[in-house]
Amino acid sequence: MCRNIRPLNNFAPPATRDEVRSAALQYVRKVSGATKPSQANQAAFDHAVEHIAQITQELLDTLVTSAPPKDREVEAAKAKARSAARFAG
């Protein structure tokens, strides 16, 4: 999985539309192998991003879990600590 795509399910507050679109954009970039498509492929690229964002939002809206929602700030602090430990030294 692309490192820039973060889990979006079961957070308080829920994932925003921008977060979902950003994940879709990263996915399309990874699959297409292009960070910026050519003019000839721009429409197909944009369509894929919008379609995947829509499907992703639908998925997030229908997933069910019994676990309590994770706090975004706590999870971000954990990730920052892991990163600091990984790159220390």
PDB file of N, CA and C in Angstrom:
ATOM      1  N   MET A   1       0.842  -1.178   0.000  1.00  0.00           N
ATOM      2  CA  MET A   1       0.000   0.000   0.000  1.00  0.00           C
ATOM      3  C   MET A   1       0.886   1.239   0.000  1.00  0.00           C
ATOM      4  N   CYS A   2       0.449   2.242  -0.676  1.00  0.00           N
ATOM      5  CA  CYS A   2       1.176   3.505  -0.724  1.00  0.00           C
ATOM      6  C   CYS A   2       1.237   4.109   0.673  1.00  0.00           C
ATOM      7  N   ARG A   3       2.392   4.556   1.092  1.00  0.00           N
ATOM      8  CA  ARG A   3       2.546   5.105   2.439  1.00  0.00           C
ATOM      9  C   ARG A   3       1.695   6.346   2.675  1.00  0.00           C
ATOM     10  N   ASN A   4       1.388   7.076   1.621  1.00  0.00           N
ATOM     11  CA  ASN A   4       0.614   8.309   1.774  1.00  0.00           C
ATOM     12  C   ASN A   4      -0.870   8.059   1.953  1.00  0.00           C
ATOM     13  N   ILE A   5      -1.330   6.861   1.700  1.00  0.00           N
ATOM     14  CA  ILE A   5      -2.739   6.551   1.893  1.00  0.00           C
ATOM     15  C   ILE A   5      -2.909   6.059   3.322  1.00  0.00           C
ATOM     16  N   ARG A   6      -3.676   6.787   4.099  1.00  0.00           N
ATOM     17  CA  ARG A   6      -3.878   6.474   5.505  1.00  0.00           C
ATOM     18  C   ARG A   6      -5.244   5.837   5.718  1.00  0.00           C
ATOM     19  N   PRO A   7      -5.359   4.977   6.728  1.00  0.00           N
ATOM     20  CA  PRO A   7      -6.686   4.442   7.064  1.00  0.00           C
ATOM     21  C   PRO A   7      -7.627   5.600   7.390  1.00  0.00           C
ATOM     22  N   LEU A   8      -8.846   5.494   6.906  1.00  0.00           N
ATOM     23  CA  LEU A   8      -9.824   6.564   7.105  1.00  0.00           C
ATOM     24  C   LEU A   8     -11.033   6.117   7.909  1.00  0.00           C
ATOM     25  N   ASN A   9     -11.121   4.835   8.198  1.00  0.00           N
ATOM     26  CA  ASN A   9     -12.307   4.309   8.881  1.00  0.00           C
ATOM     27  C   ASN A   9     -12.185   4.400  10.396  1.00  0.00           C
ATOM     28  N   ASN A  10     -13.305   4.642  11.034  1.00  0.00           N
ATOM     29  CA  ASN A  10     -13.452   4.589  12.486  1.00  0.00           C
ATOM     30  C   ASN A  10     -12.626   5.643  13.213  1.00  0.00           C
ATOM     31  N   PHE A  11     -12.729   6.877  12.751  1.00  0.00           N
ATOM     32  CA  PHE A  11     -12.082   7.993  13.421  1.00  0.00           C
ATOM     33  C   PHE A  11     -13.130   8.980  13.897  1.00  0.00           C
ATOM     34  N   ALA A  12     -12.799   9.681  14.964  1.00  0.00           N
ATOM     35  CA  ALA A  12     -13.656  10.752  15.448  1.00  0.00           C
ATOM     36  C   ALA A  12     -12.844  12.035  15.379  1.00  0.00           C
ATOM     37  N   PRO A  13     -13.241  13.013  14.641  1.00  0.00           N
ATOM     38  CA  PRO A  13     -14.367  13.045  13.718  1.00  0.00           C
ATOM     39  C   PRO A  13     -14.082  12.214  12.469  1.00  0.00           C
ATOM     40  N   PRO A  14     -15.145  11.850  11.730  1.00  0.00           N
ATOM     41  CA  PRO A  14     -14.972  11.017  10.536  1.00  0.00           C
ATOM     42  C   PRO A  14     -14.110  11.704   9.472  1.00  0.00           C
ATOM     43  N   ALA A  15     -13.641  10.898   8.535  1.00  0.00           N
ATOM     44  CA  ALA A  15     -12.825  11.412   7.433  1.00  0.00           C
ATOM     45  C   ALA A  15     -13.600  12.474   6.658  1.00  0.00           C
ATOM     46  N   THR A  16     -12.883  13.509   6.273  1.00  0.00           N
ATOM     47  CA  THR A  16     -13.505  14.574   5.498  1.00  0.00           C
ATOM     48  C   THR A  16     -13.513  14.219   4.017  1.00  0.00           C
ATOM     49  N   ARG A  17     -14.291  14.968   3.272  1.00  0.00           N
ATOM     50  CA  ARG A  17     -14.345  14.766   1.818  1.00  0.00           C
ATOM     51  C   ARG A  17     -12.958  14.979   1.210  1.00  0.00           C
ATOM     52  N   ASP A  18     -12.213  15.959   1.716  1.00  0.00           N
ATOM     53  CA  ASP A  18     -10.869  16.225   1.203  1.00  0.00           C
ATOM     54  C   ASP A  18      -9.916  15.063   1.485  1.00  0.00           C
ATOM     55  N   GLU A  19     -10.026  14.460   2.654  1.00  0.00           N
ATOM     56  CA  GLU A  19      -9.171  13.308   2.983  1.00  0.00           C
ATOM     57  C   GLU A  19      -9.483  12.123   2.068  1.00  0.00           C
ATOM     58  N   VAL A  20     -10.748  11.915   1.805  1.00  0.00           N
ATOM     59  CA  VAL A  20     -11.157  10.817   0.922  1.00  0.00           C
ATOM     60  C   VAL A  20     -10.651  11.073  -0.495  1.00  0.00           C
ATOM     61  N   ARG A  21     -10.780  12.307  -0.958  1.00  0.00           N
ATOM     62  CA  ARG A  21     -10.314  12.643  -2.309  1.00  0.00           C
ATOM     63  C   ARG A  21      -8.787  12.521  -2.395  1.00  0.00           C
ATOM     64  N   SER A  22      -8.083  12.943  -1.353  1.00  0.00           N
ATOM     65  CA  SER A  22      -6.622  12.830  -1.349  1.00  0.00           C
ATOM     66  C   SER A  22      -6.179  11.369  -1.422  1.00  0.00           C
ATOM     67  N   ALA A  23      -6.874  10.507  -0.703  1.00  0.00           N
ATOM     68  CA  ALA A  23      -6.554   9.080  -0.762  1.00  0.00           C
ATOM     69  C   ALA A  23      -6.817   8.531  -2.161  1.00  0.00           C
ATOM     70  N   ALA A  24      -7.917   8.954  -2.770  1.00  0.00           N
ATOM     71  CA  ALA A  24      -8.233   8.511  -4.137  1.00  0.00           C
ATOM     72  C   ALA A  24      -7.173   8.996  -5.115  1.00  0.00           C
ATOM     73  N   LEU A  25      -6.744  10.240  -4.959  1.00  0.00           N
ATOM     74  CA  LEU A  25      -5.705  10.793  -5.826  1.00  0.00           C
ATOM     75  C   LEU A  25      -4.408  10.008  -5.688  1.00  0.00           C
ATOM     76  N   GLN A  26      -4.000   9.710  -4.461  1.00  0.00           N
ATOM     77  CA  GLN A  26      -2.781   8.922  -4.254  1.00  0.00           C
ATOM     78  C   GLN A  26      -2.895   7.537  -4.882  1.00  0.00           C
ATOM     79  N   TYR A  27      -4.072   6.932  -4.749  1.00  0.00           N
ATOM     80  CA  TYR A  27      -4.294   5.607  -5.338  1.00  0.00           C
ATOM     81  C   TYR A  27      -4.160   5.664  -6.864  1.00  0.00           C
ATOM     82  N   VAL A  28      -4.806   6.638  -7.478  1.00  0.00           N
ATOM     83  CA  VAL A  28      -4.751   6.750  -8.938  1.00  0.00           C
ATOM     84  C   VAL A  28      -3.327   7.059  -9.399  1.00  0.00           C
ATOM     85  N   ARG A  29      -2.627   7.904  -8.668  1.00  0.00           N
ATOM     86  CA  ARG A  29      -1.229   8.175  -9.010  1.00  0.00           C
ATOM     87  C   ARG A  29      -0.394   6.904  -8.953  1.00  0.00           C
ATOM     88  N   LYS A  30      -0.598   6.113  -7.913  1.00  0.00           N
ATOM     89  CA  LYS A  30       0.172   4.884  -7.740  1.00  0.00           C
ATOM     90  C   LYS A  30      -0.132   3.893  -8.856  1.00  0.00           C
ATOM     91  N   VAL A  31      -1.412   3.684  -9.124  1.00  0.00           N
ATOM     92  CA  VAL A  31      -1.813   2.698 -10.133  1.00  0.00           C
ATOM     93  C   VAL A  31      -1.392   3.133 -11.535  1.00  0.00           C
ATOM     94  N   SER A  32      -1.528   4.426 -11.831  1.00  0.00           N
ATOM     95  CA  SER A  32      -1.204   4.912 -13.174  1.00  0.00           C
ATOM     96  C   SER A  32       0.291   5.108 -13.382  1.00  0.00           C
ATOM     97  N   GLY A  33       1.015   5.243 -12.285  1.00  0.00           N
ATOM     98  CA  GLY A  33       2.449   5.486 -12.395  1.00  0.00           C
ATOM     99  C   GLY A  33       2.779   6.923 -12.767  1.00  0.00           C
ATOM    100  N   ALA A  34       1.797   7.815 -12.620  1.00  0.00           N
ATOM    101  CA  ALA A  34       2.009   9.213 -12.992  1.00  0.00           C
ATOM    102  C   ALA A  34       1.528  10.129 -11.879  1.00  0.00           C
ATOM    103  N   THR A  35       2.387  11.057 -11.478  1.00  0.00           N
ATOM    104  CA  THR A  35       1.942  12.032 -10.489  1.00  0.00           C
ATOM    105  C   THR A  35       1.172  13.155 -11.161  1.00  0.00           C
ATOM    106  N   LYS A  36       1.490  13.419 -12.411  1.00  0.00           N
ATOM    107  CA  LYS A  36       0.762  14.413 -13.202  1.00  0.00           C
ATOM    108  C   LYS A  36       0.557  13.803 -14.586  1.00  0.00           C
ATOM    109  N   PRO A  37      -0.696  13.520 -14.931  1.00  0.00           N
ATOM    110  CA  PRO A  37      -0.949  12.888 -16.232  1.00  0.00           C
ATOM    111  C   PRO A  37      -0.737  13.866 -17.391  1.00  0.00           C
ATOM    112  N   SER A  38      -0.525  13.306 -18.565  1.00  0.00           N
ATOM    113  CA  SER A  38      -0.419  14.130 -19.763  1.00  0.00           C
ATOM    114  C   SER A  38      -1.784  14.751 -20.059  1.00  0.00           C
ATOM    115  N   GLN A  39      -1.801  15.761 -20.922  1.00  0.00           N
ATOM    116  CA  GLN A  39      -3.067  16.384 -21.295  1.00  0.00           C
ATOM    117  C   GLN A  39      -4.016  15.367 -21.920  1.00  0.00           C
ATOM    118  N   ALA A  40      -3.474  14.431 -22.653  1.00  0.00           N
ATOM    119  CA  ALA A  40      -4.299  13.416 -23.305  1.00  0.00           C
ATOM    120  C   ALA A  40      -4.991  12.512 -22.291  1.00  0.00           C
ATOM    121  N   ASN A  41      -4.377  12.342 -21.111  1.00  0.00           N
ATOM    122  CA  ASN A  41      -4.933  11.445 -20.092  1.00  0.00           C
ATOM    123  C   ASN A  41      -5.581  12.176 -18.917  1.00  0.00           C
ATOM    124  N   GLN A  42      -5.579  13.504 -18.926  1.00  0.00           N
ATOM    125  CA  GLN A  42      -6.084  14.269 -17.793  1.00  0.00           C
ATOM    126  C   GLN A  42      -7.542  13.956 -17.474  1.00  0.00           C
ATOM    127  N   ALA A  43      -8.389  13.878 -18.487  1.00  0.00           N
ATOM    128  CA  ALA A  43      -9.816  13.623 -18.251  1.00  0.00           C
ATOM    129  C   ALA A  43     -10.029  12.248 -17.631  1.00  0.00           C
ATOM    130  N   ALA A  44      -9.323  11.248 -18.137  1.00  0.00           N
ATOM    131  CA  ALA A  44      -9.456   9.890 -17.594  1.00  0.00           C
ATOM    132  C   ALA A  44      -8.941   9.844 -16.158  1.00  0.00           C
ATOM    133  N   PHE A  45      -7.847  10.528 -15.896  1.00  0.00           N
ATOM    134  CA  PHE A  45      -7.246  10.593 -14.568  1.00  0.00           C
ATOM    135  C   PHE A  45      -8.226  11.237 -13.586  1.00  0.00           C
ATOM    136  N   ASP A  46      -8.772  12.399 -13.957  1.00  0.00           N
ATOM    137  CA  ASP A  46      -9.712  13.115 -13.095  1.00  0.00           C
ATOM    138  C   ASP A  46     -10.980  12.297 -12.842  1.00  0.00           C
ATOM    139  N   HIS A  47     -11.466  11.639 -13.890  1.00  0.00           N
ATOM    140  CA  HIS A  47     -12.665  10.802 -13.746  1.00  0.00           C
ATOM    141  C   HIS A  47     -12.396   9.669 -12.754  1.00  0.00           C
ATOM    142  N   ALA A  48     -11.237   9.042 -12.870  1.00  0.00           N
ATOM    143  CA  ALA A  48     -10.891   7.941 -11.968  1.00  0.00           C
ATOM    144  C   ALA A  48     -10.814   8.433 -10.524  1.00  0.00           C
ATOM    145  N   VAL A  49     -10.192   9.580 -10.304  1.00  0.00           N
ATOM    146  CA  VAL A  49     -10.070  10.122  -8.943  1.00  0.00           C
ATOM    147  C   VAL A  49     -11.456  10.369  -8.359  1.00  0.00           C
ATOM    148  N   GLU A  50     -12.330  11.020  -9.105  1.00  0.00           N
ATOM    149  CA  GLU A  50     -13.671  11.326  -8.601  1.00  0.00           C
ATOM    150  C   GLU A  50     -14.478  10.061  -8.351  1.00  0.00           C
ATOM    151  N   HIS A  51     -14.383   9.104  -9.253  1.00  0.00           N
ATOM    152  CA  HIS A  51     -15.132   7.855  -9.103  1.00  0.00           C
ATOM    153  C   HIS A  51     -14.631   7.070  -7.882  1.00  0.00           C
ATOM    154  N   ILE A  52     -13.333   6.971  -7.725  1.00  0.00           N
ATOM    155  CA  ILE A  52     -12.766   6.235  -6.588  1.00  0.00           C
ATOM    156  C   ILE A  52     -13.081   6.955  -5.280  1.00  0.00           C
ATOM    157  N   ALA A  53     -13.059   8.272  -5.273  1.00  0.00           N
ATOM    158  CA  ALA A  53     -13.412   9.026  -4.063  1.00  0.00           C
ATOM    159  C   ALA A  53     -14.868   8.749  -3.680  1.00  0.00           C
ATOM    160  N   GLN A  54     -15.740   8.726  -4.669  1.00  0.00           N
ATOM    161  CA  GLN A  54     -17.160   8.457  -4.411  1.00  0.00           C
ATOM    162  C   GLN A  54     -17.353   7.053  -3.840  1.00  0.00           C
ATOM    163  N   ILE A  55     -16.719   6.069  -4.432  1.00  0.00           N
ATOM    164  CA  ILE A  55     -16.834   4.680  -3.973  1.00  0.00           C
ATOM    165  C   ILE A  55     -16.210   4.529  -2.586  1.00  0.00           C
ATOM    166  N   THR A  56     -15.105   5.204  -2.344  1.00  0.00           N
ATOM    167  CA  THR A  56     -14.460   5.146  -1.032  1.00  0.00           C
ATOM    168  C   THR A  56     -15.365   5.730   0.041  1.00  0.00           C
ATOM    169  N   GLN A  57     -15.993   6.868  -0.256  1.00  0.00           N
ATOM    170  CA  GLN A  57     -16.908   7.473   0.714  1.00  0.00           C
ATOM    171  C   GLN A  57     -18.077   6.536   0.988  1.00  0.00           C
ATOM    172  N   GLU A  58     -18.586   5.898  -0.061  1.00  0.00           N
ATOM    173  CA  GLU A  58     -19.679   4.936   0.108  1.00  0.00           C
ATOM    174  C   GLU A  58     -19.246   3.785   1.009  1.00  0.00           C
ATOM    175  N   LEU A  59     -18.037   3.290   0.799  1.00  0.00           N
ATOM    176  CA  LEU A  59     -17.511   2.218   1.635  1.00  0.00           C
ATOM    177  C   LEU A  59     -17.423   2.666   3.086  1.00  0.00           C
ATOM    178  N   LEU A  60     -16.829   3.824   3.329  1.00  0.00           N
ATOM    179  CA  LEU A  60     -16.683   4.319   4.696  1.00  0.00           C
ATOM    180  C   LEU A  60     -18.035   4.525   5.371  1.00  0.00           C
ATOM    181  N   ASP A  61     -19.023   4.962   4.593  1.00  0.00           N
ATOM    182  CA  ASP A  61     -20.360   5.198   5.147  1.00  0.00           C
ATOM    183  C   ASP A  61     -21.080   3.908   5.519  1.00  0.00           C
ATOM    184  N   THR A  62     -20.699   2.786   4.906  1.00  0.00           N
ATOM    185  CA  THR A  62     -21.417   1.535   5.157  1.00  0.00           C
ATOM    186  C   THR A  62     -20.669   0.545   6.046  1.00  0.00           C
ATOM    187  N   LEU A  63     -19.390   0.804   6.329  1.00  0.00           N
ATOM    188  CA  LEU A  63     -18.648  -0.098   7.208  1.00  0.00           C
ATOM    189  C   LEU A  63     -19.210  -0.050   8.618  1.00  0.00           C
ATOM    190  N   VAL A  64     -19.211  -1.196   9.279  1.00  0.00           N
ATOM    191  CA  VAL A  64     -19.721  -1.316  10.640  1.00  0.00           C
ATOM    192  C   VAL A  64     -18.597  -1.862  11.519  1.00  0.00           C
ATOM    193  N   THR A  65     -18.443  -1.286  12.693  1.00  0.00           N
ATOM    194  CA  THR A  65     -17.448  -1.776  13.640  1.00  0.00           C
ATOM    195  C   THR A  65     -17.983  -1.640  15.055  1.00  0.00           C
ATOM    196  N   SER A  66     -17.536  -2.535  15.919  1.00  0.00           N
ATOM    197  CA  SER A  66     -17.933  -2.447  17.323  1.00  0.00           C
ATOM    198  C   SER A  66     -16.861  -1.734  18.153  1.00  0.00           C
ATOM    199  N   ALA A  67     -15.726  -1.451  17.541  1.00  0.00           N
ATOM    200  CA  ALA A  67     -14.639  -0.762  18.242  1.00  0.00           C
ATOM    201  C   ALA A  67     -14.979   0.714  18.394  1.00  0.00           C
ATOM    202  N   PRO A  68     -14.559   1.319  19.489  1.00  0.00           N
ATOM    203  CA  PRO A  68     -14.797   2.753  19.643  1.00  0.00           C
ATOM    204  C   PRO A  68     -13.959   3.532  18.629  1.00  0.00           C
ATOM    205  N   PRO A  69     -14.447   4.688  18.185  1.00  0.00           N
ATOM    206  CA  PRO A  69     -13.684   5.483  17.220  1.00  0.00           C
ATOM    207  C   PRO A  69     -12.335   5.910  17.800  1.00  0.00           C
ATOM    208  N   LYS A  70     -11.329   5.932  16.941  1.00  0.00           N
ATOM    209  CA  LYS A  70      -9.997   6.366  17.351  1.00  0.00           C
ATOM    210  C   LYS A  70      -9.935   7.887  17.294  1.00  0.00           C
ATOM    211  N   ASP A  71      -9.199   8.463  18.224  1.00  0.00           N
ATOM    212  CA  ASP A  71      -9.014   9.901  18.272  1.00  0.00           C
ATOM    213  C   ASP A  71      -7.906  10.281  17.295  1.00  0.00           C
ATOM    214  N   ARG A  72      -8.186  11.194  16.401  1.00  0.00           N
ATOM    215  CA  ARG A  72      -7.222  11.592  15.373  1.00  0.00           C
ATOM    216  C   ARG A  72      -5.932  12.146  15.972  1.00  0.00           C
ATOM    217  N   GLU A  73      -6.053  12.969  17.002  1.00  0.00           N
ATOM    218  CA  GLU A  73      -4.862  13.573  17.595  1.00  0.00           C
ATOM    219  C   GLU A  73      -3.981  12.536  18.273  1.00  0.00           C
ATOM    220  N   VAL A  74      -4.578  11.576  18.955  1.00  0.00           N
ATOM    221  CA  VAL A  74      -3.820  10.512  19.611  1.00  0.00           C
ATOM    222  C   VAL A  74      -3.102   9.662  18.565  1.00  0.00           C
ATOM    223  N   GLU A  75      -3.808   9.301  17.497  1.00  0.00           N
ATOM    224  CA  GLU A  75      -3.203   8.483  16.434  1.00  0.00           C
ATOM    225  C   GLU A  75      -2.082   9.243  15.736  1.00  0.00           C
ATOM    226  N   ALA A  76      -2.261  10.540  15.523  1.00  0.00           N
ATOM    227  CA  ALA A  76      -1.210  11.355  14.895  1.00  0.00           C
ATOM    228  C   ALA A  76       0.026  11.420  15.784  1.00  0.00           C
ATOM    229  N   ALA A  77      -0.168  11.542  17.095  1.00  0.00           N
ATOM    230  CA  ALA A  77       0.957  11.568  18.029  1.00  0.00           C
ATOM    231  C   ALA A  77       1.696  10.235  18.012  1.00  0.00           C
ATOM    232  N   LYS A  78       0.952   9.133  17.959  1.00  0.00           N
ATOM    233  CA  LYS A  78       1.591   7.809  17.884  1.00  0.00           C
ATOM    234  C   LYS A  78       2.421   7.684  16.609  1.00  0.00           C
ATOM    235  N   ALA A  79       1.872   8.128  15.493  1.00  0.00           N
ATOM    236  CA  ALA A  79       2.586   8.049  14.217  1.00  0.00           C
ATOM    237  C   ALA A  79       3.846   8.904  14.245  1.00  0.00           C
ATOM    238  N   LYS A  80       3.744  10.080  14.850  1.00  0.00           N
ATOM    239  CA  LYS A  80       4.903  10.965  14.952  1.00  0.00           C
ATOM    240  C   LYS A  80       5.994  10.323  15.808  1.00  0.00           C
ATOM    241  N   ALA A  81       5.601   9.672  16.901  1.00  0.00           N
ATOM    242  CA  ALA A  81       6.573   8.982  17.762  1.00  0.00           C
ATOM    243  C   ALA A  81       7.230   7.826  17.030  1.00  0.00           C
ATOM    244  N   ARG A  82       6.443   7.070  16.282  1.00  0.00           N
ATOM    245  CA  ARG A  82       7.024   5.953  15.491  1.00  0.00           C
ATOM    246  C   ARG A  82       8.015   6.475  14.463  1.00  0.00           C
ATOM    247  N   SER A  83       7.659   7.575  13.812  1.00  0.00           N
ATOM    248  CA  SER A  83       8.536   8.167  12.812  1.00  0.00           C
ATOM    249  C   SER A  83       9.835   8.664  13.450  1.00  0.00           C
ATOM    250  N   ALA A  84       9.721   9.311  14.586  1.00  0.00           N
ATOM    251  CA  ALA A  84      10.919   9.823  15.275  1.00  0.00           C
ATOM    252  C   ALA A  84      11.831   8.671  15.676  1.00  0.00           C
ATOM    253  N   ALA A  85      11.252   7.590  16.177  1.00  0.00           N
ATOM    254  CA  ALA A  85      12.057   6.427  16.567  1.00  0.00           C
ATOM    255  C   ALA A  85      12.697   5.777  15.339  1.00  0.00           C
ATOM    256  N   ARG A  86      11.962   5.750  14.253  1.00  0.00           N
ATOM    257  CA  ARG A  86      12.469   5.115  13.029  1.00  0.00           C
ATOM    258  C   ARG A  86      13.637   5.881  12.442  1.00  0.00           C
ATOM    259  N   PHE A  87      13.562   7.208  12.461  1.00  0.00           N
ATOM    260  CA  PHE A  87      14.580   8.014  11.815  1.00  0.00           C
ATOM    261  C   PHE A  87      15.588   8.614  12.783  1.00  0.00           C
ATOM    262  N   ALA A  88      15.523   8.244  14.037  1.00  0.00           N
ATOM    263  CA  ALA A  88      16.507   8.739  15.014  1.00  0.00           C
ATOM    264  C   ALA A  88      17.857   8.092  14.782  1.00  0.00           C
ATOM    265  N   GLY A  89      18.839   8.874  14.912  1.00  0.00           N
ATOM    266  CA  GLY A  89      20.175   8.341  14.925  1.00  0.00           C
ATOM    267  C   GLY A  89      20.892   8.261  13.703  1.00  0.00           C
TER     268      GLY A  89
END
